[in-house]
Amino acid sequence: SLALDANQLEARNAVAVIEAQRGDLESARKALVALVNDYPGEAQPHTNLGYVQYLMGDYAGSAQTLRRATNSAGHQGHRDHQGHRGRRGHGVENQT
């Protein structure tokens, strides 16, 4: 269960990435919106949300979300995001 996962951020992000890769952009968007609300200081979910918004044609929303991702990354001290699933050239996760 995701609720019992100690790395809930990474697990939930991975689920959203898989949804986006399968083409279910609306489900991915909803999952990522919830994730950025739960983890507002984390850059990766913002980046993925921005990319999904871009794929959905919401260019203004995408630009705004990606700016927030950049601001979040600056406040994290450029944390290392190793260990995230889907980091092997599969679109959404690689958009940092």
N, C-alpha and C. Protein backbone atom coordinates (compact mmCIF):
# COMPACT_ATOMS: atom_id res chain seq x y z
N SER A 1 0.83 -1.19 0.00
CA SER A 1 0.00 0.00 0.00
C SER A 1 0.88 1.25 0.00
N LEU A 2 0.50 2.24 -0.80
CA LEU A 2 1.25 3.48 -0.84
C LEU A 2 1.23 4.19 0.51
N ALA A 3 0.14 4.04 1.26
CA ALA A 3 0.03 4.70 2.56
C ALA A 3 1.06 4.18 3.54
N LEU A 4 1.51 2.96 3.38
CA LEU A 4 2.49 2.36 4.28
C LEU A 4 3.92 2.52 3.80
N ASP A 5 4.10 3.04 2.59
CA ASP A 5 5.41 3.18 2.00
C ASP A 5 6.15 4.35 2.63
N ALA A 6 7.36 4.10 3.13
CA ALA A 6 8.16 5.16 3.74
C ALA A 6 8.57 6.20 2.71
N ASN A 7 8.67 5.83 1.46
CA ASN A 7 9.03 6.74 0.38
C ASN A 7 7.79 7.10 -0.44
N GLN A 8 6.76 7.54 0.23
CA GLN A 8 5.49 7.81 -0.43
C GLN A 8 5.63 8.81 -1.57
N LEU A 9 6.45 9.81 -1.40
CA LEU A 9 6.66 10.79 -2.47
C LEU A 9 7.13 10.08 -3.73
N GLU A 10 8.16 9.27 -3.62
CA GLU A 10 8.71 8.59 -4.79
C GLU A 10 7.72 7.60 -5.38
N ALA A 11 7.02 6.86 -4.52
CA ALA A 11 6.06 5.87 -5.01
C ALA A 11 4.91 6.55 -5.75
N ARG A 12 4.37 7.58 -5.18
CA ARG A 12 3.26 8.29 -5.82
C ARG A 12 3.71 8.96 -7.11
N ASN A 13 4.92 9.50 -7.12
CA ASN A 13 5.47 10.11 -8.32
C ASN A 13 5.61 9.06 -9.41
N ALA A 14 6.11 7.88 -9.04
CA ALA A 14 6.30 6.80 -10.01
C ALA A 14 4.97 6.37 -10.62
N VAL A 15 3.92 6.29 -9.81
CA VAL A 15 2.60 5.92 -10.32
C VAL A 15 2.13 6.95 -11.34
N ALA A 16 2.30 8.22 -11.03
CA ALA A 16 1.88 9.28 -11.95
C ALA A 16 2.69 9.22 -13.25
N VAL A 17 3.97 8.94 -13.15
CA VAL A 17 4.82 8.82 -14.33
C VAL A 17 4.34 7.68 -15.22
N ILE A 18 4.02 6.55 -14.61
CA ILE A 18 3.52 5.40 -15.37
C ILE A 18 2.21 5.75 -16.07
N GLU A 19 1.32 6.46 -15.38
CA GLU A 19 0.06 6.88 -16.00
C GLU A 19 0.33 7.77 -17.21
N ALA A 20 1.26 8.70 -17.06
CA ALA A 20 1.59 9.60 -18.18
C ALA A 20 2.20 8.81 -19.34
N GLN A 21 3.07 7.88 -19.04
CA GLN A 21 3.70 7.09 -20.09
C GLN A 21 2.68 6.23 -20.83
N ARG A 22 1.63 5.80 -20.13
CA ARG A 22 0.57 5.01 -20.76
C ARG A 22 -0.39 5.89 -21.56
N GLY A 23 -0.24 7.21 -21.44
CA GLY A 23 -1.10 8.13 -22.17
C GLY A 23 -2.30 8.61 -21.38
N ASP A 24 -2.41 8.22 -20.13
CA ASP A 24 -3.52 8.67 -19.28
C ASP A 24 -3.09 9.97 -18.60
N LEU A 25 -3.04 11.03 -19.40
CA LEU A 25 -2.50 12.31 -18.92
C LEU A 25 -3.38 12.95 -17.85
N GLU A 26 -4.69 12.79 -17.96
CA GLU A 26 -5.57 13.40 -16.96
C GLU A 26 -5.38 12.75 -15.59
N SER A 27 -5.27 11.43 -15.55
CA SER A 27 -5.01 10.76 -14.26
C SER A 27 -3.65 11.16 -13.71
N ALA A 28 -2.66 11.25 -14.59
CA ALA A 28 -1.32 11.67 -14.16
C ALA A 28 -1.37 13.09 -13.61
N ARG A 29 -2.09 13.98 -14.31
CA ARG A 29 -2.19 15.37 -13.87
C ARG A 29 -2.83 15.45 -12.49
N LYS A 30 -3.93 14.74 -12.29
CA LYS A 30 -4.62 14.76 -11.00
C LYS A 30 -3.70 14.24 -9.88
N ALA A 31 -3.00 13.15 -10.16
CA ALA A 31 -2.10 12.58 -9.16
C ALA A 31 -0.96 13.55 -8.83
N LEU A 32 -0.44 14.22 -9.84
CA LEU A 32 0.67 15.15 -9.62
C LEU A 32 0.21 16.42 -8.92
N VAL A 33 -1.00 16.89 -9.21
CA VAL A 33 -1.54 18.05 -8.49
C VAL A 33 -1.64 17.72 -7.01
N ALA A 34 -2.16 16.54 -6.69
CA ALA A 34 -2.25 16.14 -5.28
C ALA A 34 -0.86 16.04 -4.67
N LEU A 35 0.09 15.54 -5.43
CA LEU A 35 1.45 15.37 -4.92
C LEU A 35 2.13 16.72 -4.65
N VAL A 36 1.98 17.68 -5.56
CA VAL A 36 2.60 18.99 -5.30
C VAL A 36 1.91 19.72 -4.15
N ASN A 37 0.62 19.44 -3.95
CA ASN A 37 -0.06 20.03 -2.79
C ASN A 37 0.45 19.41 -1.48
N ASP A 38 0.74 18.12 -1.50
CA ASP A 38 1.25 17.44 -0.32
C ASP A 38 2.73 17.70 -0.06
N TYR A 39 3.49 17.95 -1.13
CA TYR A 39 4.94 18.17 -1.03
C TYR A 39 5.31 19.43 -1.81
N PRO A 40 4.88 20.60 -1.35
CA PRO A 40 5.09 21.83 -2.14
C PRO A 40 6.56 22.22 -2.33
N GLY A 41 7.44 21.74 -1.50
CA GLY A 41 8.86 22.09 -1.63
C GLY A 41 9.67 21.14 -2.47
N GLU A 42 9.05 20.13 -3.03
CA GLU A 42 9.77 19.14 -3.84
C GLU A 42 9.70 19.51 -5.32
N ALA A 43 10.83 19.60 -5.97
CA ALA A 43 10.89 20.02 -7.37
C ALA A 43 10.38 18.95 -8.34
N GLN A 44 10.69 17.68 -8.10
CA GLN A 44 10.37 16.64 -9.09
C GLN A 44 8.89 16.54 -9.43
N PRO A 45 7.98 16.53 -8.45
CA PRO A 45 6.57 16.47 -8.85
C PRO A 45 6.11 17.71 -9.61
N HIS A 46 6.66 18.88 -9.26
CA HIS A 46 6.35 20.10 -10.01
C HIS A 46 6.82 19.96 -11.46
N THR A 47 8.03 19.46 -11.64
CA THR A 47 8.59 19.29 -12.98
C THR A 47 7.73 18.33 -13.80
N ASN A 48 7.36 17.22 -13.19
CA ASN A 48 6.55 16.25 -13.91
C ASN A 48 5.17 16.81 -14.23
N LEU A 49 4.59 17.54 -13.29
CA LEU A 49 3.29 18.16 -13.54
C LEU A 49 3.40 19.16 -14.69
N GLY A 50 4.44 19.96 -14.68
CA GLY A 50 4.64 20.93 -15.76
C GLY A 50 4.75 20.25 -17.12
N TYR A 51 5.45 19.14 -17.17
CA TYR A 51 5.60 18.41 -18.43
C TYR A 51 4.27 17.81 -18.88
N VAL A 52 3.50 17.26 -17.94
CA VAL A 52 2.19 16.71 -18.28
C VAL A 52 1.27 17.82 -18.77
N GLN A 53 1.30 18.97 -18.10
CA GLN A 53 0.49 20.11 -18.56
C GLN A 53 0.89 20.51 -19.99
N TYR A 54 2.18 20.50 -20.26
CA TYR A 54 2.67 20.82 -21.60
C TYR A 54 2.11 19.82 -22.62
N LEU A 55 2.18 18.53 -22.29
CA LEU A 55 1.67 17.50 -23.19
C LEU A 55 0.17 17.63 -23.43
N MET A 56 -0.53 18.19 -22.44
CA MET A 56 -1.98 18.39 -22.55
C MET A 56 -2.33 19.69 -23.26
N GLY A 57 -1.32 20.49 -23.63
CA GLY A 57 -1.56 21.75 -24.32
C GLY A 57 -1.77 22.95 -23.43
N ASP A 58 -1.57 22.79 -22.12
CA ASP A 58 -1.71 23.90 -21.18
C ASP A 58 -0.34 24.56 -21.02
N TYR A 59 0.04 25.35 -22.02
CA TYR A 59 1.39 25.91 -22.05
C TYR A 59 1.61 26.96 -20.97
N ALA A 60 0.61 27.78 -20.70
CA ALA A 60 0.75 28.80 -19.65
C ALA A 60 0.86 28.13 -18.28
N GLY A 61 0.01 27.14 -18.02
CA GLY A 61 0.07 26.40 -16.76
C GLY A 61 1.39 25.67 -16.62
N SER A 62 1.86 25.10 -17.71
CA SER A 62 3.13 24.38 -17.71
C SER A 62 4.28 25.31 -17.35
N ALA A 63 4.32 26.48 -17.97
CA ALA A 63 5.39 27.44 -17.70
C ALA A 63 5.38 27.87 -16.24
N GLN A 64 4.19 28.12 -15.70
CA GLN A 64 4.08 28.53 -14.31
C GLN A 64 4.54 27.41 -13.37
N THR A 65 4.13 26.19 -13.65
CA THR A 65 4.51 25.05 -12.80
C THR A 65 6.01 24.80 -12.88
N LEU A 66 6.58 24.91 -14.07
CA LEU A 66 8.03 24.69 -14.22
C LEU A 66 8.83 25.78 -13.52
N ARG A 67 8.31 27.01 -13.48
CA ARG A 67 8.99 28.06 -12.70
C ARG A 67 8.98 27.70 -11.22
N ARG A 68 7.85 27.17 -10.73
CA ARG A 68 7.79 26.73 -9.32
C ARG A 68 8.78 25.60 -9.08
N ALA A 69 8.94 24.72 -10.04
CA ALA A 69 9.90 23.61 -9.90
C ALA A 69 11.31 24.15 -9.78
N THR A 70 11.63 25.15 -10.57
CA THR A 70 12.96 25.77 -10.52
C THR A 70 13.18 26.42 -9.17
N ASN A 71 12.17 27.10 -8.67
CA ASN A 71 12.28 27.72 -7.34
C ASN A 71 12.42 26.68 -6.25
N SER A 72 11.67 25.58 -6.37
CA SER A 72 11.76 24.50 -5.38
C SER A 72 13.15 23.88 -5.39
N ALA A 73 13.72 23.66 -6.56
CA ALA A 73 15.04 23.05 -6.67
C ALA A 73 16.09 23.93 -6.00
N GLY A 74 15.95 25.24 -6.15
CA GLY A 74 16.89 26.16 -5.54
C GLY A 74 16.84 26.13 -4.02
N HIS A 75 15.66 25.87 -3.47
CA HIS A 75 15.50 25.82 -2.02
C HIS A 75 15.91 24.48 -1.42
N GLN A 76 16.07 23.47 -2.27
CA GLN A 76 16.43 22.15 -1.78
C GLN A 76 17.94 21.96 -1.72
N GLY A 77 18.70 22.93 -2.18
CA GLY A 77 20.15 22.74 -2.21
C GLY A 77 20.54 21.70 -3.24
N HIS A 78 19.79 21.64 -4.33
CA HIS A 78 20.06 20.71 -5.43
C HIS A 78 20.18 19.28 -4.94
N ARG A 79 19.15 18.84 -4.24
CA ARG A 79 19.09 17.46 -3.75
C ARG A 79 19.28 16.46 -4.87
N ASP A 80 19.90 15.38 -4.56
CA ASP A 80 20.10 14.28 -5.49
C ASP A 80 18.84 13.43 -5.54
N HIS A 81 18.27 13.23 -6.71
CA HIS A 81 17.04 12.46 -6.85
C HIS A 81 17.32 11.05 -7.34
N GLN A 82 18.46 10.50 -7.06
CA GLN A 82 18.75 9.13 -7.48
C GLN A 82 17.77 8.18 -6.80
N GLY A 83 17.51 7.10 -7.47
CA GLY A 83 16.61 6.11 -6.90
C GLY A 83 15.18 6.25 -7.36
N HIS A 84 14.87 7.32 -8.08
CA HIS A 84 13.52 7.44 -8.61
C HIS A 84 13.32 6.42 -9.70
N ARG A 85 12.15 5.84 -9.72
CA ARG A 85 11.82 4.90 -10.78
C ARG A 85 11.64 5.65 -12.09
N GLY A 86 11.84 4.95 -13.18
CA GLY A 86 11.58 5.53 -14.49
C GLY A 86 12.61 6.53 -14.95
N ARG A 87 13.80 6.52 -14.41
CA ARG A 87 14.82 7.50 -14.76
C ARG A 87 15.59 7.09 -16.01
N ARG A 88 15.22 6.05 -16.70
CA ARG A 88 15.99 5.55 -17.82
C ARG A 88 15.41 6.01 -19.16
N GLY A 89 15.30 7.32 -19.36
CA GLY A 89 14.88 7.84 -20.64
C GLY A 89 13.41 7.65 -20.95
N HIS A 90 12.55 7.65 -19.95
CA HIS A 90 11.14 7.41 -20.18
C HIS A 90 10.31 8.68 -20.01
N GLY A 91 10.72 9.77 -20.58
CA GLY A 91 9.88 10.94 -20.65
C GLY A 91 9.75 11.75 -19.38
N VAL A 92 8.66 11.60 -18.70
CA VAL A 92 8.26 12.53 -17.65
C VAL A 92 9.31 12.71 -16.58
N GLU A 93 9.83 11.64 -16.01
CA GLU A 93 10.80 11.75 -14.92
C GLU A 93 12.07 12.47 -15.34
N ASN A 94 12.43 12.40 -16.59
CA ASN A 94 13.69 12.96 -17.04
C ASN A 94 13.62 14.45 -17.37
N GLN A 95 12.55 15.10 -17.03
CA GLN A 95 12.39 16.48 -17.43
C GLN A 95 12.90 17.48 -16.39
N THR A 96 13.91 17.13 -15.58
CA THR A 96 14.44 18.06 -14.58
C THR A 96 15.57 18.87 -15.13
